[in-house]
C-alpha atoms as a PDB file:
ATOM      1  CA  MET A   1       0.000   0.000   0.000  1.00  0.00           C
ATOM      2  CA  SER A   2       1.320   3.428  -0.831  1.00  0.00           C
ATOM      3  CA  THR A   3      -0.040   6.869  -0.199  1.00  0.00           C
ATOM      4  CA  ASN A   4       0.782  10.317  -1.427  1.00  0.00           C
ATOM      5  CA  GLY A   5       1.431  13.117   0.957  1.00  0.00           C
ATOM      6  CA  LEU A   6       2.971  16.479   1.531  1.00  0.00           C
ATOM      7  CA  ALA A   7       5.844  17.129   3.975  1.00  0.00           C
ATOM      8  CA  ILE A   8       5.550  20.535   5.635  1.00  0.00           C
ATOM      9  CA  SER A   9       8.523  22.009   7.503  1.00  0.00           C
ATOM     10  CA  LEU A  10       7.814  23.168  11.056  1.00  0.00           C
ATOM     11  CA  SER A  11      11.230  24.732  11.729  1.00  0.00           C
ATOM     12  CA  GLU A  12       9.691  27.630  13.637  1.00  0.00           C
ATOM     13  CA  GLN A  13       8.178  25.144  16.115  1.00  0.00           C
ATOM     14  CA  ARG A  14      11.409  23.190  16.796  1.00  0.00           C
ATOM     15  CA  VAL A  15      11.847  24.407  20.398  1.00  0.00           C
ATOM     16  CA  GLU A  16       8.260  23.575  21.358  1.00  0.00           C
ATOM     17  CA  ILE A  17       8.373  20.162  19.653  1.00  0.00           C
ATOM     18  CA  ASN A  18      11.624  19.288  21.442  1.00  0.00           C
ATOM     19  CA  ARG A  19      10.076  20.318  24.779  1.00  0.00           C
ATOM     20  CA  LEU A  20       7.029  18.126  24.153  1.00  0.00           C
ATOM     21  CA  MET A  21       9.233  15.169  23.188  1.00  0.00           C
ATOM     22  CA  ARG A  22      11.256  15.582  26.426  1.00  0.00           C
ATOM     23  CA  GLU A  23       8.048  15.651  28.481  1.00  0.00           C
ATOM     24  CA  LYS A  24       6.591  12.587  26.774  1.00  0.00           C
ATOM     25  CA  TYR A  25       9.671  10.347  26.436  1.00  0.00           C
ATOM     26  CA  GLY A  26      11.900  11.520  29.318  1.00  0.00           C
ATOM     27  CA  TRP A  27      15.288   9.788  29.554  1.00  0.00           C
ATOM     28  CA  ALA A  28      14.844   8.039  26.185  1.00  0.00           C
ATOM     29  CA  ASP A  29      14.482  11.383  24.426  1.00  0.00           C
ATOM     30  CA  ALA A  30      17.551  12.735  26.237  1.00  0.00           C
ATOM     31  CA  PHE A  31      19.530   9.684  25.113  1.00  0.00           C
ATOM     32  CA  ILE A  32      18.517  10.105  21.458  1.00  0.00           C
ATOM     33  CA  ALA A  33      19.333  13.833  21.625  1.00  0.00           C
ATOM     34  CA  LEU A  34      22.753  13.001  23.050  1.00  0.00           C
ATOM     35  CA  MET A  35      23.467  10.453  20.303  1.00  0.00           C
ATOM     36  CA  PHE A  36      22.171  12.415  17.315  1.00  0.00           C
ATOM     37  CA  GLY A  37      21.713  16.035  18.383  1.00  0.00           C
ATOM     38  CA  ARG A  38      18.858  18.255  17.345  1.00  0.00           C
ATOM     39  CA  GLU A  39      20.529  21.531  16.427  1.00  0.00           C
ATOM     40  CA  GLU A  40      20.038  20.931  12.713  1.00  0.00           C
ATOM     41  CA  ALA A  41      16.946  18.715  12.852  1.00  0.00           C
ATOM     42  CA  ILE A  42      13.996  19.864  10.782  1.00  0.00           C
ATOM     43  CA  PRO A  43      10.624  18.883  12.265  1.00  0.00           C
ATOM     44  CA  LEU A  44       8.099  17.833   9.622  1.00  0.00           C
ATOM     45  CA  ARG A  45       4.363  17.369   9.530  1.00  0.00           C
ATOM     46  CA  LEU A  46       3.189  14.764   7.023  1.00  0.00           C
ATOM     47  CA  ASP A  47      -0.178  15.517   5.462  1.00  0.00           C
ATOM     48  CA  PRO A  48      -1.714  12.662   3.463  1.00  0.00           C
ATOM     49  CA  ARG A  49      -3.185  13.616   0.101  1.00  0.00           C
END
């Protein structure tokens, strides 16, 4: 099964998204951030079409 969609950049919401991820996932989110960093990450919203 395949679907078409549109990826929308949410760069302006990066700080808020990172905060929500920390609240939800706790130590696991901190570990992933330590391993991969987030300074250059681009949050995306995927909208199916």
